């Protein structure tokens, strides 16, 4: 089995990396917060202190990073992949960032002999841990085909989506769609409640309608239970990337823009410390005058 490098051991990255270990790969890992790699080290992964050291100790590097700056630092910063003098020359990045950043970093790394494959993952931390992510891969189709066993260790649905950077577009698109869906479901639910139908009844109606889906079921389960999981939702960030690109592309997106403003209301009123469904519920509680 290959030795793989994995950079970024947060909630998503740790689950993805753990499934690679379960699939039999030897892993070398790093994260700015060493505490986040301890679980992986307990499963046999080896900690190294920089992306450069990771690259020099493996055949292929994967990453799941929080933002554009982190991707630039891992690729091109001090101790970054660009400084590696041996080892891997292929980087598969799953970070939720914008298309421009991954394309720019890939171009700079190519001058040092690196090939970058752009990837994105659909799902939350529990889905990552279960190896059930939807994975979107863009860039070289040959490399997509060659590394199917790696992708299959982490995801249940694996799709090639074209040229480098397109995987980031797909991730942003799915975040924008989910943002509108969350807000619209909670909004209609509030309207029904004011009319005399509770959330559980709305949940049953949806389950028996053409709007039924895995996503609507998951959202409504959280709405009905009121159990909002505390976590930092990356959806507002990904929606923001999508809207930035929409402005550059001169594509009007009024519904997505409104959903983004709803997230901003949640941030301004202290209701954003949850996953997306909790944020949507909190913001509609505010605008409907519900008190704690």
Protein backbone atom coordinates (compact mmCIF):
# COMPACT_ATOMS: atom_id res chain seq x y z
CA UNK A 1 0.00 0.00 0.00
CA UNK A 2 1.09 3.56 -0.66
CA UNK A 3 2.22 5.95 2.04
CA UNK A 4 -0.13 8.93 1.97
CA UNK A 5 0.24 12.34 3.53
CA UNK A 6 -2.76 14.08 5.06
CA UNK A 7 -2.70 17.76 6.03
CA UNK A 8 -5.55 19.11 8.18
CA UNK A 9 -7.00 16.98 10.96
CA UNK A 10 -10.11 18.94 11.86
CA UNK A 11 -13.59 17.45 12.06
CA UNK A 12 -13.79 16.53 8.38
CA UNK A 13 -10.12 15.79 7.77
CA UNK A 14 -9.73 13.48 10.75
CA UNK A 15 -12.65 11.32 9.61
CA UNK A 16 -11.35 11.14 6.05
CA UNK A 17 -7.84 10.30 7.19
CA UNK A 18 -9.08 7.63 9.61
CA UNK A 19 -10.87 5.87 6.77
CA UNK A 20 -7.67 5.83 4.73
CA UNK A 21 -5.94 4.10 7.65
CA UNK A 22 -8.80 1.59 7.85
CA UNK A 23 -8.34 0.90 4.14
CA UNK A 24 -4.75 -0.13 4.81
CA UNK A 25 -2.80 2.98 3.83
CA UNK A 26 0.16 4.15 5.89
CA UNK A 27 -0.38 7.80 6.84
CA UNK A 28 1.88 10.69 7.74
CA UNK A 29 -0.12 13.64 9.07
CA UNK A 30 0.24 17.24 10.16
CA UNK A 31 -1.90 20.06 11.53
CA UNK A 32 -1.11 23.41 13.10
CA UNK A 33 -2.90 22.09 16.20
CA UNK A 34 -1.02 18.94 17.19
CA UNK A 35 -3.86 17.92 19.49
CA UNK A 36 -6.08 17.32 16.46
CA UNK A 37 -3.75 14.62 15.11
CA UNK A 38 -3.58 12.61 18.36
CA UNK A 39 -6.51 10.40 17.43
CA UNK A 40 -4.95 9.55 14.08
CA UNK A 41 -1.59 8.91 15.72
CA UNK A 42 -3.37 6.47 18.03
CA UNK A 43 -4.50 4.61 14.92
CA UNK A 44 -0.98 4.34 13.55
CA UNK A 45 -0.41 7.61 11.70
CA UNK A 46 2.95 9.37 12.08
CA UNK A 47 3.03 13.09 12.89
CA UNK A 48 5.41 15.34 10.97
CA UNK A 49 5.83 19.05 11.58
CA UNK A 50 5.35 20.62 8.14
CA UNK A 51 3.80 20.11 4.71
CA UNK A 52 7.35 19.93 3.33
CA UNK A 53 8.18 17.04 5.65
CA UNK A 54 4.90 15.34 4.74
CA UNK A 55 5.63 15.56 1.02
CA UNK A 56 9.14 14.20 1.45
CA UNK A 57 7.82 11.19 3.38
CA UNK A 58 4.99 10.00 1.14
CA UNK A 59 3.89 9.28 -2.41
CA UNK A 60 0.79 11.47 -2.51
CA UNK A 61 -0.47 14.37 -0.39
CA UNK A 62 -4.11 15.02 0.54
CA UNK A 63 -5.46 17.98 2.47
CA UNK A 64 -8.62 19.34 4.05
CA UNK A 65 -7.98 22.93 5.12
CA UNK A 66 -10.20 25.71 6.50
CA UNK A 67 -9.67 28.63 4.11
CA UNK A 68 -7.83 30.20 1.18
CA UNK A 69 -4.92 31.43 3.28
CA UNK A 70 -4.31 27.96 4.71
CA UNK A 71 -4.21 26.43 1.23
CA UNK A 72 -1.74 29.07 0.02
CA UNK A 73 0.43 28.52 3.10
CA UNK A 74 0.47 24.72 2.71
CA UNK A 75 1.25 24.96 -0.97
CA UNK A 76 3.57 27.94 -1.22
CA UNK A 77 4.47 29.14 2.27
CA UNK A 78 7.51 28.57 4.46
CA UNK A 79 7.83 24.84 5.01
CA UNK A 80 5.21 24.30 2.33
CA UNK A 81 4.94 21.70 -0.41
CA UNK A 82 6.85 23.95 -2.77
CA UNK A 83 10.00 23.48 -0.66
CA UNK A 84 9.96 19.68 -0.79
CA UNK A 85 13.07 18.30 -2.50
CA UNK A 86 11.93 14.69 -2.80
CA UNK A 87 8.92 12.44 -2.39
CA UNK A 88 5.41 13.29 -3.52
CA UNK A 89 4.63 15.48 -6.50
CA UNK A 90 0.85 15.00 -6.48
CA UNK A 91 -1.48 17.00 -4.23
CA UNK A 92 -5.22 16.33 -3.89
CA UNK A 93 -6.86 19.21 -2.03
CA UNK A 94 -10.38 18.83 -0.58
CA UNK A 95 -10.55 22.26 1.10
CA UNK A 96 -13.69 24.38 0.83
CA UNK A 97 -12.21 27.44 -0.87
CA UNK A 98 -12.72 29.35 -4.11
CA UNK A 99 -11.73 28.26 -7.61
CA UNK A 100 -9.31 31.14 -8.18
CA UNK A 101 -7.14 30.20 -5.19
CA UNK A 102 -6.66 26.54 -6.08
CA UNK A 103 -5.95 27.36 -9.73
CA UNK A 104 -3.38 30.03 -8.79
CA UNK A 105 -1.62 27.80 -6.24
CA UNK A 106 -1.61 24.88 -8.68
CA UNK A 107 -0.02 27.04 -11.38
CA UNK A 108 2.77 28.13 -9.02
CA UNK A 109 3.40 24.58 -7.81
CA UNK A 110 3.49 23.26 -11.38
CA UNK A 111 6.71 25.21 -11.91
CA UNK A 112 8.23 22.97 -9.23
CA UNK A 113 6.99 19.78 -10.86
CA UNK A 114 3.79 19.37 -8.84
CA UNK A 115 0.43 18.25 -10.19
CA UNK A 116 -2.65 19.40 -8.29
CA UNK A 117 -5.99 17.62 -8.31
CA UNK A 118 -8.89 19.72 -7.06
CA UNK A 119 -11.48 17.98 -4.90
CA UNK A 120 -14.41 18.76 -2.64
CA UNK A 121 -16.45 16.78 -0.14
CA UNK A 122 -20.17 16.97 0.52
CA UNK A 123 -21.30 15.98 3.99
CA UNK A 124 -20.82 16.76 7.67
CA UNK A 125 -18.32 15.35 10.17
CA UNK A 126 -20.38 12.26 10.97
CA UNK A 127 -20.66 11.46 7.26
CA UNK A 128 -16.90 11.86 6.85
CA UNK A 129 -16.27 9.49 9.76
CA UNK A 130 -18.59 6.91 8.19
CA UNK A 131 -16.80 7.11 4.82
CA UNK A 132 -20.05 8.14 3.14
CA UNK A 133 -19.08 11.51 1.65
CA UNK A 134 -20.03 12.71 -1.81
CA UNK A 135 -16.72 13.48 -3.49
CA UNK A 136 -16.31 15.77 -6.49
CA UNK A 137 -12.96 15.66 -8.26
CA UNK A 138 -11.66 17.94 -11.00
CA UNK A 139 -8.46 18.13 -13.00
CA UNK A 140 -6.75 15.17 -14.65
CA UNK A 141 -9.27 12.44 -15.54
CA UNK A 142 -6.40 9.92 -15.71
CA UNK A 143 -5.43 10.70 -12.11
CA UNK A 144 -9.10 10.52 -11.09
CA UNK A 145 -9.29 7.01 -12.55
CA UNK A 146 -5.93 5.93 -11.13
CA UNK A 147 -6.74 6.89 -7.55
CA UNK A 148 -10.24 5.47 -7.26
CA UNK A 149 -9.26 3.18 -4.33
CA UNK A 150 -8.25 6.25 -2.30
CA UNK A 151 -11.47 8.08 -3.10
CA UNK A 152 -13.57 4.98 -2.41
CA UNK A 153 -12.07 4.70 1.07
CA UNK A 154 -13.56 8.10 1.93
CA UNK A 155 -16.74 8.44 -0.10
CA UNK A 156 -19.80 6.64 -1.41
CA UNK A 157 -20.41 8.86 -4.44
CA UNK A 158 -17.42 9.89 -6.55
CA UNK A 159 -17.77 12.10 -9.61
CA UNK A 160 -15.32 13.76 -11.98
CA UNK A 161 -16.52 17.31 -12.70
CA UNK A 162 -14.14 18.60 -15.35
CA UNK A 163 -11.32 21.10 -15.32
CA UNK A 164 -9.19 22.07 -12.33
CA UNK A 165 -11.16 24.28 -9.95
CA UNK A 166 -14.59 22.95 -10.87
CA UNK A 167 -14.77 20.86 -7.68
CA UNK A 168 -14.63 24.10 -5.68
CA UNK A 169 -17.44 25.50 -7.84
CA UNK A 170 -19.56 22.41 -7.12
CA UNK A 171 -18.92 22.69 -3.38
CA UNK A 172 -19.95 26.35 -3.42
CA UNK A 173 -23.01 25.52 -5.52
CA UNK A 174 -24.17 22.83 -3.11
CA UNK A 175 -23.67 25.20 -0.18
CA UNK A 176 -25.75 27.88 -1.90
CA UNK A 177 -28.52 25.41 -2.67
CA UNK A 178 -28.48 24.09 0.91
CA UNK A 179 -28.60 27.63 2.34
CA UNK A 180 -31.74 28.47 0.37
CA UNK A 181 -33.27 25.09 1.26
CA UNK A 182 -32.64 25.49 5.00
CA UNK A 183 -34.05 28.99 5.13
CA UNK A 184 -37.09 28.20 2.97
CA UNK A 185 -38.05 25.09 4.97
CA UNK A 186 -37.83 26.89 8.29
CA UNK A 187 -39.68 29.92 6.89
CA UNK A 188 -42.58 27.85 5.57
CA UNK A 189 -42.62 25.90 8.82
CA UNK A 190 -43.05 29.12 10.79
CA UNK A 191 -45.90 30.16 8.47
CA UNK A 192 -47.65 26.83 9.02
CA UNK A 193 -47.13 27.07 12.77
CA UNK A 194 -48.78 30.50 12.84
CA UNK A 195 -51.66 28.87 10.95
CA UNK A 196 -52.03 26.08 13.50
CA UNK A 197 -49.81 23.19 12.21
CA UNK A 198 -46.81 22.19 14.29
CA UNK A 199 -43.35 21.19 13.03
CA UNK A 200 -44.01 17.46 13.44
CA UNK A 201 -47.04 17.70 11.18
CA UNK A 202 -45.01 19.61 8.58
CA UNK A 203 -42.34 16.89 8.83
CA UNK A 204 -44.93 14.19 8.07
CA UNK A 205 -46.35 16.20 5.16
CA UNK A 206 -42.89 16.53 3.61
CA UNK A 207 -42.11 12.83 4.03
CA UNK A 208 -45.21 12.00 2.01
CA UNK A 209 -44.66 14.61 -0.70
CA UNK A 210 -42.59 14.97 -3.85
CA UNK A 211 -40.26 17.26 -1.88
CA UNK A 212 -39.11 14.33 0.29
CA UNK A 213 -35.35 13.73 0.24
CA UNK A 214 -32.49 12.74 2.50
CA UNK A 215 -31.74 16.44 2.99
CA UNK A 216 -35.28 17.51 3.91
CA UNK A 217 -35.59 14.59 6.30
CA UNK A 218 -32.36 15.49 8.07
CA UNK A 219 -33.30 19.17 8.31
CA UNK A 220 -36.79 18.45 9.64
CA UNK A 221 -35.53 15.95 12.20
CA UNK A 222 -33.38 18.71 13.70
CA UNK A 223 -36.17 21.30 13.44
CA UNK A 224 -38.64 19.05 15.27
CA UNK A 225 -36.21 17.92 17.95
CA UNK A 226 -34.73 21.36 18.56
CA UNK A 227 -31.37 19.67 19.11
CA UNK A 228 -29.00 22.02 17.32
CA UNK A 229 -25.47 20.66 17.32
CA UNK A 230 -22.93 23.29 18.42
CA UNK A 231 -20.32 23.60 15.69
CA UNK A 232 -18.92 26.19 13.34
CA UNK A 233 -20.92 26.04 10.12
CA UNK A 234 -18.82 26.59 7.02
CA UNK A 235 -21.93 27.19 4.90
CA UNK A 236 -21.85 31.02 5.18
CA UNK A 237 -18.23 31.03 4.00
CA UNK A 238 -18.93 28.76 1.04
CA UNK A 239 -22.02 30.78 0.11
CA UNK A 240 -19.88 33.92 0.24
CA UNK A 241 -17.39 32.41 -2.20
CA UNK A 242 -20.24 31.57 -4.55
CA UNK A 243 -21.66 35.10 -4.39
CA UNK A 244 -18.22 36.63 -4.97
CA UNK A 245 -17.87 34.57 -8.14
CA UNK A 246 -21.43 35.39 -9.17
CA UNK A 247 -20.61 39.09 -9.09
CA UNK A 248 -17.51 38.51 -11.22
CA UNK A 249 -19.53 36.38 -13.64
CA UNK A 250 -22.39 38.94 -13.63
CA UNK A 251 -24.90 36.23 -12.69
CA UNK A 252 -27.84 37.52 -10.58
CA UNK A 253 -28.51 35.34 -7.51
CA UNK A 254 -31.27 37.06 -5.50
CA UNK A 255 -32.39 34.03 -3.48
CA UNK A 256 -28.85 33.05 -2.50
CA UNK A 257 -28.08 36.66 -1.60
CA UNK A 258 -31.10 36.77 0.70
CA UNK A 259 -30.11 33.48 2.33
CA UNK A 260 -26.65 34.94 2.93
CA UNK A 261 -28.25 37.96 4.65
CA UNK A 262 -30.21 35.60 6.88
CA UNK A 263 -26.93 34.03 8.00
CA UNK A 264 -25.67 37.56 8.69
CA UNK A 265 -28.69 38.22 10.94
CA UNK A 266 -27.84 35.06 12.88
CA UNK A 267 -24.24 36.21 13.27
CA UNK A 268 -25.35 39.66 14.43
CA UNK A 269 -27.75 38.21 17.02
CA UNK A 270 -25.44 35.50 18.37
CA UNK A 271 -27.37 32.60 16.85
CA UNK A 272 -24.69 31.25 14.56
CA UNK A 273 -22.79 28.86 16.81
CA UNK A 274 -24.51 25.78 15.38
CA UNK A 275 -24.76 23.72 12.22
CA UNK A 276 -26.82 25.26 9.43
CA UNK A 277 -30.24 24.00 10.54
CA UNK A 278 -29.76 25.46 14.00
CA UNK A 279 -28.70 28.78 12.47
CA UNK A 280 -31.82 28.88 10.28
CA UNK A 281 -34.08 28.10 13.24
CA UNK A 282 -32.40 30.72 15.42
CA UNK A 283 -32.68 33.49 12.84
CA UNK A 284 -36.37 32.79 12.18
CA UNK A 285 -37.00 32.76 15.92
CA UNK A 286 -35.52 36.27 16.01
CA UNK A 287 -37.51 37.69 13.11
CA UNK A 288 -40.74 36.08 14.36
CA UNK A 289 -40.27 37.54 17.83
CA UNK A 290 -39.81 34.28 19.71
CA UNK A 291 -38.15 34.76 23.08
CA UNK A 292 -36.11 32.14 24.88
